[in-house]
C-alpha atoms as a PDB file:
ATOM      1  CA  MET A   1       7.038  26.160  -1.537  1.00  0.00           C
ATOM      2  CA  ALA A   2       5.954  26.320  -5.171  1.00  0.00           C
ATOM      3  CA  TYR A   3       6.148  23.154  -7.317  1.00  0.00           C
ATOM      4  CA  ASP A   4       5.731  22.698 -11.075  1.00  0.00           C
ATOM      5  CA  PHE A   5       3.841  19.395 -11.053  1.00  0.00           C
ATOM      6  CA  VAL A   6       2.072  19.193  -7.668  1.00  0.00           C
ATOM      7  CA  ARG A   7      -0.058  21.483  -5.548  1.00  0.00           C
ATOM      8  CA  VAL A   8      -0.031  21.339  -1.763  1.00  0.00           C
ATOM      9  CA  ASP A   9      -2.795  22.793   0.486  1.00  0.00           C
ATOM     10  CA  ARG A  10      -2.845  22.671   4.293  1.00  0.00           C
ATOM     11  CA  ALA A  11      -5.896  23.142   6.499  1.00  0.00           C
ATOM     12  CA  GLY A  12      -5.156  22.638  10.171  1.00  0.00           C
ATOM     13  CA  PRO A  13      -3.598  19.140  10.512  1.00  0.00           C
ATOM     14  CA  ILE A  14      -4.744  17.966   7.080  1.00  0.00           C
ATOM     15  CA  THR A  15      -2.460  18.204   3.976  1.00  0.00           C
ATOM     16  CA  THR A  16      -3.941  17.876   0.525  1.00  0.00           C
ATOM     17  CA  ILE A  17      -1.523  16.684  -2.221  1.00  0.00           C
ATOM     18  CA  ILE A  18      -2.804  17.355  -5.725  1.00  0.00           C
ATOM     19  CA  LEU A  19      -1.070  15.674  -8.672  1.00  0.00           C
ATOM     20  CA  ASN A  20      -1.062  18.597 -11.082  1.00  0.00           C
ATOM     21  CA  ARG A  21      -0.506  17.540 -14.703  1.00  0.00           C
ATOM     22  CA  PRO A  22      -4.083  17.587 -15.949  1.00  0.00           C
ATOM     23  CA  GLU A  23      -3.086  18.039 -19.533  1.00  0.00           C
ATOM     24  CA  VAL A  24      -1.692  14.488 -19.534  1.00  0.00           C
ATOM     25  CA  MET A  25      -4.298  13.069 -17.085  1.00  0.00           C
ATOM     26  CA  ASN A  26      -1.858  13.539 -14.198  1.00  0.00           C
ATOM     27  CA  ALA A  27       0.547  10.939 -15.662  1.00  0.00           C
ATOM     28  CA  LEU A  28       3.898  11.307 -13.906  1.00  0.00           C
ATOM     29  CA  HIS A  29       7.503  11.663 -15.297  1.00  0.00           C
ATOM     30  CA  SER A  30      10.768  11.806 -13.526  1.00  0.00           C
ATOM     31  CA  PRO A  31      10.648  15.491 -12.488  1.00  0.00           C
ATOM     32  CA  ALA A  32       7.204  14.869 -10.926  1.00  0.00           C
ATOM     33  CA  HIS A  33       8.415  11.916  -9.018  1.00  0.00           C
ATOM     34  CA  PHE A  34      11.226  13.919  -7.375  1.00  0.00           C
ATOM     35  CA  GLU A  35       8.885  16.791  -6.591  1.00  0.00           C
ATOM     36  CA  LEU A  36       6.419  14.450  -4.901  1.00  0.00           C
ATOM     37  CA  ALA A  37       9.272  12.855  -2.915  1.00  0.00           C
ATOM     38  CA  GLU A  38      10.004  16.301  -1.526  1.00  0.00           C
ATOM     39  CA  VAL A  39       6.296  16.855  -0.701  1.00  0.00           C
ATOM     40  CA  PHE A  40       5.959  13.548   1.167  1.00  0.00           C
ATOM     41  CA  ASP A  41       9.285  14.163   2.990  1.00  0.00           C
ATOM     42  CA  ALA A  42       7.927  17.505   4.188  1.00  0.00           C
ATOM     43  CA  PHE A  43       4.632  15.941   5.249  1.00  0.00           C
ATOM     44  CA  ALA A  44       6.358  13.167   7.171  1.00  0.00           C
ATOM     45  CA  ALA A  45       8.634  15.662   8.948  1.00  0.00           C
ATOM     46  CA  ASP A  46       6.008  18.224   9.907  1.00  0.00           C
ATOM     47  CA  PRO A  47       4.615  17.453  13.407  1.00  0.00           C
ATOM     48  CA  ASP A  48       1.593  19.730  12.815  1.00  0.00           C
ATOM     49  CA  GLN A  49       0.412  17.637   9.833  1.00  0.00           C
ATOM     50  CA  TRP A  50      -1.357  14.422  10.863  1.00  0.00           C
ATOM     51  CA  VAL A  51      -3.046  13.084   7.735  1.00  0.00           C
ATOM     52  CA  ALA A  52      -2.816  13.623   4.005  1.00  0.00           C
ATOM     53  CA  ILE A  53      -5.250  13.406   1.140  1.00  0.00           C
ATOM     54  CA  VAL A  54      -3.854  12.599  -2.265  1.00  0.00           C
ATOM     55  CA  THR A  55      -5.932  13.485  -5.368  1.00  0.00           C
ATOM     56  CA  GLY A  56      -5.535  14.558  -8.982  1.00  0.00           C
ATOM     57  CA  ALA A  57      -6.166  17.913 -10.690  1.00  0.00           C
ATOM     58  CA  GLY A  58      -9.246  18.185 -12.893  1.00  0.00           C
ATOM     59  CA  ASP A  59     -12.119  15.776 -13.100  1.00  0.00           C
ATOM     60  CA  ARG A  60     -10.780  13.232 -15.649  1.00  0.00           C
ATOM     61  CA  ALA A  61      -8.026  11.485 -13.854  1.00  0.00           C
ATOM     62  CA  PHE A  62      -6.463  10.715 -10.476  1.00  0.00           C
ATOM     63  CA  SER A  63      -3.398   9.679 -12.443  1.00  0.00           C
ATOM     64  CA  ALA A  64      -2.948   7.758 -15.628  1.00  0.00           C
ATOM     65  CA  GLY A  65       0.385   6.392 -14.223  1.00  0.00           C
ATOM     66  CA  ASN A  66       3.683   6.509 -16.019  1.00  0.00           C
ATOM     67  CA  ASP A  67       3.939   9.171 -18.733  1.00  0.00           C
ATOM     68  CA  LEU A  68       4.610   6.849 -21.602  1.00  0.00           C
ATOM     69  CA  LYS A  69       4.806   9.633 -24.210  1.00  0.00           C
ATOM     70  CA  HIS A  70       7.555  11.307 -22.104  1.00  0.00           C
ATOM     71  CA  GLN A  71       9.383   7.971 -21.980  1.00  0.00           C
ATOM     72  CA  ALA A  72       8.873   7.193 -25.680  1.00  0.00           C
ATOM     73  CA  GLY A  73      10.210  10.641 -26.568  1.00  0.00           C
ATOM     74  CA  GLY A  74      13.506   9.965 -24.812  1.00  0.00           C
ATOM     75  CA  GLY A  75      12.597  12.034 -21.708  1.00  0.00           C
ATOM     76  CA  LYS A  76      14.633  11.596 -18.548  1.00  0.00           C
ATOM     77  CA  MET A  77      13.728   8.501 -16.620  1.00  0.00           C
ATOM     78  CA  GLY A  78      14.170   7.624 -12.965  1.00  0.00           C
ATOM     79  CA  SER A  79      12.515   8.048  -9.628  1.00  0.00           C
ATOM     80  CA  PRO A  80      13.653   8.637  -6.118  1.00  0.00           C
ATOM     81  CA  PRO A  81      14.392   5.897  -3.622  1.00  0.00           C
ATOM     82  CA  SER A  82      10.908   6.399  -2.179  1.00  0.00           C
ATOM     83  CA  GLY A  83       9.457   5.082  -5.479  1.00  0.00           C
ATOM     84  CA  PHE A  84       6.841   6.024  -7.986  1.00  0.00           C
ATOM     85  CA  ALA A  85       5.341   9.471  -7.028  1.00  0.00           C
ATOM     86  CA  GLY A  86       7.861   9.498  -4.176  1.00  0.00           C
ATOM     87  CA  LEU A  87       5.444   7.078  -2.352  1.00  0.00           C
ATOM     88  CA  THR A  88       5.228   3.510  -3.544  1.00  0.00           C
ATOM     89  CA  SER A  89       8.569   2.422  -1.866  1.00  0.00           C
ATOM     90  CA  ARG A  90       8.111   4.664   1.201  1.00  0.00           C
ATOM     91  CA  PHE A  91       7.733   2.121   3.932  1.00  0.00           C
ATOM     92  CA  ASP A  92       8.519   4.235   6.931  1.00  0.00           C
ATOM     93  CA  LEU A  93       5.619   6.730   6.715  1.00  0.00           C
ATOM     94  CA  ASN A  94       3.356   6.061   9.752  1.00  0.00           C
ATOM     95  CA  LYS A  95       1.011   9.015   9.097  1.00  0.00           C
ATOM     96  CA  PRO A  96      -2.266   7.959   7.287  1.00  0.00           C
ATOM     97  CA  LEU A  97      -2.862   8.733   3.628  1.00  0.00           C
ATOM     98  CA  ILE A  98      -6.280   8.888   1.949  1.00  0.00           C
ATOM     99  CA  ALA A  99      -6.484   8.569  -1.873  1.00  0.00           C
ATOM    100  CA  ALA A 100      -9.416  10.632  -3.234  1.00  0.00           C
ATOM    101  CA  VAL A 101      -9.708   9.068  -6.686  1.00  0.00           C
ATOM    102  CA  ASN A 102     -11.483  11.364  -9.047  1.00  0.00           C
ATOM    103  CA  GLY A 103     -11.335   9.495 -12.310  1.00  0.00           C
ATOM    104  CA  VAL A 104      -8.833   7.253 -14.060  1.00  0.00           C
ATOM    105  CA  ALA A 105      -6.375   5.482 -11.791  1.00  0.00           C
ATOM    106  CA  MET A 106      -4.254   3.409 -14.156  1.00  0.00           C
ATOM    107  CA  GLY A 107      -1.037   1.609 -13.689  1.00  0.00           C
ATOM    108  CA  GLY A 108       1.210   3.810 -11.504  1.00  0.00           C
ATOM    109  CA  GLY A 109      -1.884   5.829 -10.652  1.00  0.00           C
ATOM    110  CA  PHE A 110      -3.546   2.767  -9.199  1.00  0.00           C
ATOM    111  CA  GLU A 111      -0.296   1.881  -7.418  1.00  0.00           C
ATOM    112  CA  ILE A 112      -0.282   5.355  -5.763  1.00  0.00           C
ATOM    113  CA  ALA A 113      -3.860   4.674  -4.498  1.00  0.00           C
ATOM    114  CA  LEU A 114      -2.924   1.245  -3.238  1.00  0.00           C
ATOM    115  CA  ALA A 115      -0.009   2.700  -1.349  1.00  0.00           C
ATOM    116  CA  CYS A 116      -2.557   4.878   0.567  1.00  0.00           C
ATOM    117  CA  ASP A 117      -4.333   3.626   3.646  1.00  0.00           C
ATOM    118  CA  LEU A 118      -7.856   4.416   2.488  1.00  0.00           C
ATOM    119  CA  ILE A 119      -9.376   4.944  -0.915  1.00  0.00           C
ATOM    120  CA  VAL A 120     -12.441   7.097  -1.437  1.00  0.00           C
ATOM    121  CA  ALA A 121     -13.554   7.011  -5.069  1.00  0.00           C
ATOM    122  CA  SER A 122     -15.832   9.028  -7.317  1.00  0.00           C
ATOM    123  CA  GLU A 123     -18.512   7.019  -9.155  1.00  0.00           C
ATOM    124  CA  THR A 124     -16.523   7.889 -12.303  1.00  0.00           C
ATOM    125  CA  ALA A 125     -13.290   6.317 -11.012  1.00  0.00           C
ATOM    126  CA  VAL A 126     -11.739   3.409 -12.987  1.00  0.00           C
ATOM    127  CA  PHE A 127      -8.901   1.276 -11.760  1.00  0.00           C
ATOM    128  CA  ALA A 128      -6.532  -1.028 -13.672  1.00  0.00           C
ATOM    129  CA  LEU A 129      -2.991  -2.367 -13.881  1.00  0.00           C
ATOM    130  CA  PRO A 130      -2.763  -2.272 -17.737  1.00  0.00           C
ATOM    131  CA  GLU A 131       1.119  -2.532 -18.028  1.00  0.00           C
ATOM    132  CA  PRO A 132       1.069  -5.916 -19.784  1.00  0.00           C
ATOM    133  CA  LYS A 133      -0.826  -4.371 -22.680  1.00  0.00           C
ATOM    134  CA  VAL A 134       2.101  -2.030 -23.384  1.00  0.00           C
ATOM    135  CA  GLY A 135       4.903  -4.501 -22.657  1.00  0.00           C
ATOM    136  CA  LEU A 136       5.506  -3.479 -19.045  1.00  0.00           C
ATOM    137  CA  ALA A 137       4.651  -4.762 -15.551  1.00  0.00           C
ATOM    138  CA  ALA A 138       3.189  -3.042 -12.464  1.00  0.00           C
ATOM    139  CA  LEU A 139       6.517  -3.134 -10.553  1.00  0.00           C
ATOM    140  CA  ALA A 140       5.896  -0.109  -8.363  1.00  0.00           C
ATOM    141  CA  GLY A 141       4.067  -2.175  -5.793  1.00  0.00           C
ATOM    142  CA  GLY A 142       0.854  -3.029  -7.563  1.00  0.00           C
ATOM    143  CA  LEU A 143       1.665  -6.711  -8.073  1.00  0.00           C
ATOM    144  CA  HIS A 144       2.324  -7.078  -4.370  1.00  0.00           C
ATOM    145  CA  ARG A 145      -0.105  -4.748  -2.711  1.00  0.00           C
ATOM    146  CA  LEU A 146      -3.176  -5.754  -4.605  1.00  0.00           C
ATOM    147  CA  PRO A 147      -3.007  -9.484  -3.706  1.00  0.00           C
ATOM    148  CA  ARG A 148      -2.366  -8.565  -0.127  1.00  0.00           C
ATOM    149  CA  GLN A 149      -5.316  -6.250  -0.072  1.00  0.00           C
ATOM    150  CA  ILE A 150      -7.966  -8.315  -1.914  1.00  0.00           C
ATOM    151  CA  GLY A 151      -6.616 -11.840  -2.056  1.00  0.00           C
ATOM    152  CA  LEU A 152      -4.677 -13.798  -4.673  1.00  0.00           C
ATOM    153  CA  LYS A 153      -7.372 -15.030  -7.021  1.00  0.00           C
ATOM    154  CA  ARG A 154      -9.172 -11.682  -7.154  1.00  0.00           C
ATOM    155  CA  ALA A 155      -5.958  -9.825  -7.699  1.00  0.00           C
ATOM    156  CA  MET A 156      -4.805 -12.225 -10.411  1.00  0.00           C
ATOM    157  CA  GLY A 157      -8.106 -11.787 -12.196  1.00  0.00           C
ATOM    158  CA  MET A 158      -7.167  -8.126 -12.592  1.00  0.00           C
ATOM    159  CA  ILE A 159      -3.441  -8.468 -13.098  1.00  0.00           C
ATOM    160  CA  LEU A 160      -3.489 -11.199 -15.797  1.00  0.00           C
ATOM    161  CA  THR A 161      -6.240  -9.625 -17.838  1.00  0.00           C
ATOM    162  CA  ALA A 162      -5.245  -5.925 -17.283  1.00  0.00           C
ATOM    163  CA  ARG A 163      -8.949  -5.328 -17.129  1.00  0.00           C
ATOM    164  CA  ARG A 164     -10.621  -2.125 -15.936  1.00  0.00           C
ATOM    165  CA  VAL A 165     -12.576  -2.157 -12.701  1.00  0.00           C
ATOM    166  CA  SER A 166     -15.214   0.468 -11.757  1.00  0.00           C
ATOM    167  CA  ALA A 167     -15.379   2.242  -8.366  1.00  0.00           C
ATOM    168  CA  ARG A 168     -18.363   0.042  -7.355  1.00  0.00           C
ATOM    169  CA  GLU A 169     -16.577  -3.150  -8.244  1.00  0.00           C
ATOM    170  CA  GLY A 170     -13.465  -1.917  -6.476  1.00  0.00           C
ATOM    171  CA  GLN A 171     -15.635  -1.515  -3.287  1.00  0.00           C
ATOM    172  CA  GLU A 172     -16.986  -5.120  -3.767  1.00  0.00           C
ATOM    173  CA  LEU A 173     -13.408  -6.428  -4.191  1.00  0.00           C
ATOM    174  CA  GLY A 174     -12.324  -4.645  -1.101  1.00  0.00           C
ATOM    175  CA  PHE A 175      -9.761  -2.020  -2.079  1.00  0.00           C
ATOM    176  CA  VAL A 176     -12.189   0.958  -2.136  1.00  0.00           C
ATOM    177  CA  ASN A 177     -13.604   2.145   1.231  1.00  0.00           C
ATOM    178  CA  GLU A 178     -16.292   4.449  -0.056  1.00  0.00           C
ATOM    179  CA  VAL A 179     -17.880   5.446  -3.475  1.00  0.00           C
ATOM    180  CA  VAL A 180     -19.540   8.891  -3.730  1.00  0.00           C
ATOM    181  CA  ALA A 181     -20.944  11.167  -6.415  1.00  0.00           C
ATOM    182  CA  PRO A 182     -18.146  13.207  -8.169  1.00  0.00           C
ATOM    183  CA  GLY A 183     -19.213  16.494  -6.585  1.00  0.00           C
ATOM    184  CA  GLU A 184     -18.959  14.913  -3.120  1.00  0.00           C
ATOM    185  CA  LEU A 185     -15.527  13.320  -3.413  1.00  0.00           C
ATOM    186  CA  MET A 186     -13.325  15.779  -1.559  1.00  0.00           C
ATOM    187  CA  ALA A 187     -15.955  16.443   1.106  1.00  0.00           C
ATOM    188  CA  ALA A 188     -16.007  12.644   1.765  1.00  0.00           C
ATOM    189  CA  ALA A 189     -12.204  12.405   1.888  1.00  0.00           C
ATOM    190  CA  GLU A 190     -12.033  15.366   4.271  1.00  0.00           C
ATOM    191  CA  ARG A 191     -14.728  13.666   6.424  1.00  0.00           C
ATOM    192  CA  TRP A 192     -12.530  10.596   6.731  1.00  0.00           C
ATOM    193  CA  ALA A 193      -9.518  12.826   7.531  1.00  0.00           C
ATOM    194  CA  ARG A 194     -11.411  14.686  10.260  1.00  0.00           C
ATOM    195  CA  LEU A 195     -12.449  11.428  11.837  1.00  0.00           C
ATOM    196  CA  ILE A 196      -8.880  10.335  11.930  1.00  0.00           C
ATOM    197  CA  CYS A 197      -7.903  13.707  13.477  1.00  0.00           C
ATOM    198  CA  GLU A 198     -10.351  13.144  16.293  1.00  0.00           C
ATOM    199  CA  CYS A 199      -8.049  10.344  17.393  1.00  0.00           C
ATOM    200  CA  SER A 200      -4.560  10.788  18.926  1.00  0.00           C
ATOM    201  CA  PRO A 201      -2.065  11.072  16.133  1.00  0.00           C
ATOM    202  CA  MET A 202       0.398   9.123  18.209  1.00  0.00           C
ATOM    203  CA  SER A 203      -2.079   6.293  18.530  1.00  0.00           C
ATOM    204  CA  ILE A 204      -2.897   6.420  14.782  1.00  0.00           C
ATOM    205  CA  ARG A 205       0.793   6.208  13.889  1.00  0.00           C
ATOM    206  CA  ALA A 206       1.315   3.341  16.297  1.00  0.00           C
ATOM    207  CA  SER A 207      -1.681   1.540  14.884  1.00  0.00           C
ATOM    208  CA  LYS A 208      -0.589   1.988  11.201  1.00  0.00           C
ATOM    209  CA  GLU A 209       2.922   0.822  12.006  1.00  0.00           C
ATOM    210  CA  ALA A 210       1.792  -2.158  14.013  1.00  0.00           C
ATOM    211  CA  VAL A 211      -0.594  -3.299  11.209  1.00  0.00           C
ATOM    212  CA  GLY A 212       2.032  -2.810   8.488  1.00  0.00           C
ATOM    213  CA  LYS A 213       4.937  -4.465  10.291  1.00  0.00           C
ATOM    214  CA  GLY A 214       2.723  -7.087  11.859  1.00  0.00           C
ATOM    215  CA  LEU A 215       1.594  -8.392   8.456  1.00  0.00           C
ATOM    216  CA  ASP A 216       5.287  -9.124   7.692  1.00  0.00           C
ATOM    217  CA  GLU A 217       5.732 -11.245  10.849  1.00  0.00           C
ATOM    218  CA  PRO A 218       5.704 -15.015  10.363  1.00  0.00           C
ATOM    219  CA  SER A 219       2.661 -15.585  12.632  1.00  0.00           C
ATOM    220  CA  LEU A 220      -0.003 -13.831  14.697  1.00  0.00           C
ATOM    221  CA  GLU A 221       1.889 -14.727  17.828  1.00  0.00           C
ATOM    222  CA  ALA A 222       5.069 -13.104  16.486  1.00  0.00           C
ATOM    223  CA  ALA A 223       3.136  -9.998  15.450  1.00  0.00           C
ATOM    224  CA  ILE A 224       1.579  -9.510  18.959  1.00  0.00           C
ATOM    225  CA  LYS A 225       4.817 -10.221  20.725  1.00  0.00           C
ATOM    226  CA  GLY A 226       6.913  -8.098  18.343  1.00  0.00           C
ATOM    227  CA  GLN A 227       4.719  -4.925  18.261  1.00  0.00           C
ATOM    228  CA  MET A 228       6.217  -3.473  21.382  1.00  0.00           C
ATOM    229  CA  ARG A 229       9.558  -2.967  19.644  1.00  0.00           C
ATOM    230  CA  TYR A 230       8.062  -0.933  16.770  1.00  0.00           C
ATOM    231  CA  PRO A 231       9.243   2.750  16.975  1.00  0.00           C
ATOM    232  CA  ALA A 232       5.781   4.356  16.746  1.00  0.00           C
ATOM    233  CA  VAL A 233       4.401   2.076  19.462  1.00  0.00           C
ATOM    234  CA  ALA A 234       7.309   2.999  21.755  1.00  0.00           C
ATOM    235  CA  ALA A 235       6.759   6.694  20.912  1.00  0.00           C
ATOM    236  CA  LEU A 236       3.109   6.386  21.827  1.00  0.00           C
ATOM    237  CA  PHE A 237       3.846   5.139  25.404  1.00  0.00           C
ATOM    238  CA  ALA A 238       6.413   7.995  25.886  1.00  0.00           C
ATOM    239  CA  SER A 239       4.028  10.682  24.547  1.00  0.00           C
ATOM    240  CA  GLU A 240       1.935  13.463  26.089  1.00  0.00           C
ATOM    241  CA  ASP A 241      -1.074  12.005  24.225  1.00  0.00           C
ATOM    242  CA  PHE A 242      -0.705   8.789  26.119  1.00  0.00           C
ATOM    243  CA  LYS A 243      -1.360  10.821  29.314  1.00  0.00           C
ATOM    244  CA  GLU A 244      -3.896  13.148  27.840  1.00  0.00           C
ATOM    245  CA  GLY A 245      -6.382  10.513  26.591  1.00  0.00           C
ATOM    246  CA  PRO A 246      -7.149   8.877  29.952  1.00  0.00           C
ATOM    247  CA  LEU A 247      -7.059  12.260  31.766  1.00  0.00           C
ATOM    248  CA  ALA A 248      -9.580  13.761  29.268  1.00  0.00           C
ATOM    249  CA  PHE A 249     -11.801  10.682  29.651  1.00  0.00           C
ATOM    250  CA  ALA A 250     -11.702  10.937  33.472  1.00  0.00           C
ATOM    251  CA  GLN A 251     -12.506  14.699  33.322  1.00  0.00           C
ATOM    252  CA  LYS A 252     -15.338  14.110  30.766  1.00  0.00           C
ATOM    253  CA  ARG A 253     -13.965  16.521  28.221  1.00  0.00           C
ATOM    254  CA  ALA A 254     -12.623  16.367  24.670  1.00  0.00           C
ATOM    255  CA  PRO A 255      -8.912  15.449  24.528  1.00  0.00           C
ATOM    256  CA  GLN A 256      -6.406  18.078  23.352  1.00  0.00           C
ATOM    257  CA  TRP A 257      -4.054  16.100  21.240  1.00  0.00           C
ATOM    258  CA  LYS A 258      -0.428  17.295  20.775  1.00  0.00           C
ATOM    259  CA  GLY A 259       0.872  14.621  18.412  1.00  0.00           C
ATOM    260  CA  ARG A 260       3.871  14.230  20.604  1.00  0.00           C
END
C-alpha cells in the first residue's frame, strides 16, 4: 500500500518504517499520525512480520516531533487513539521495535524513539524534550517513559531544562543501546533485528509483554505470580515454537520458528 508520509519496506520477517517528510525534518502532522497508525496496525496483525525498525528519511532528522508550523497555520490537529505517530499510546504491541535514530529526535520524535524497545543512534543524533521552550509539554509519553527508563533525577535534568543530549550522552544515561557512525546506522539496526529473529517470535512477544506488564505490578512477587495470565505468555505455551525449540536442541539443529 502506498502512503503519502511514510514508507514501508519488508525483508523477510523485518519491517522497516520510514518517517517520510524530510522537507520538514520528518515532523508529523495529523494526516501522518493516522497513516502511521495504519502502518503499525498492519505490522501488528501480520504473522510473518516479527520485528520493525523505525527511522527517518534523509540524514538530518529522525523526527523533529510535532509539526508546529502546520499547527500555527491552522492545520487540522488530532491523532488516533494509538497516539503520536500511531505509536506512543499503543500499549498492546508485543512485537519488538527498534528506533534507528539518524539525526534530530526532538519532542515527539524523541517520544517515538522512547516508545521503541531499542534505540540505535547515529553519532549525529540529538535528543531532547524541548516542548517547554514553546509553551507545550511532552505529553505523548516522554514525561513518563524517560523517568522509567533512566531514573527520575537524570530524566528531570533533561525535562526541566529542555536541554539537548548527544547520542553518546544518551548511551551513558541509558536510553541508547548503541552508537554508530552515520553510514553504519541501518546495518547496525538490522543486525539487532536479525539477532532478535534468531529467537522464537513467540518467546520474544511473551518476554516483551511480561516485562511491560510486570513493571506495572505493585511488587516483584506480584509480577512473577501474575505473568502466567498475560496473553502472550499463554500463547507461547500453546504454540508450535514451544515444542520446536526443545526438539531442535535435542536434534542438534537450528530451530525452524513458525511464530505461532
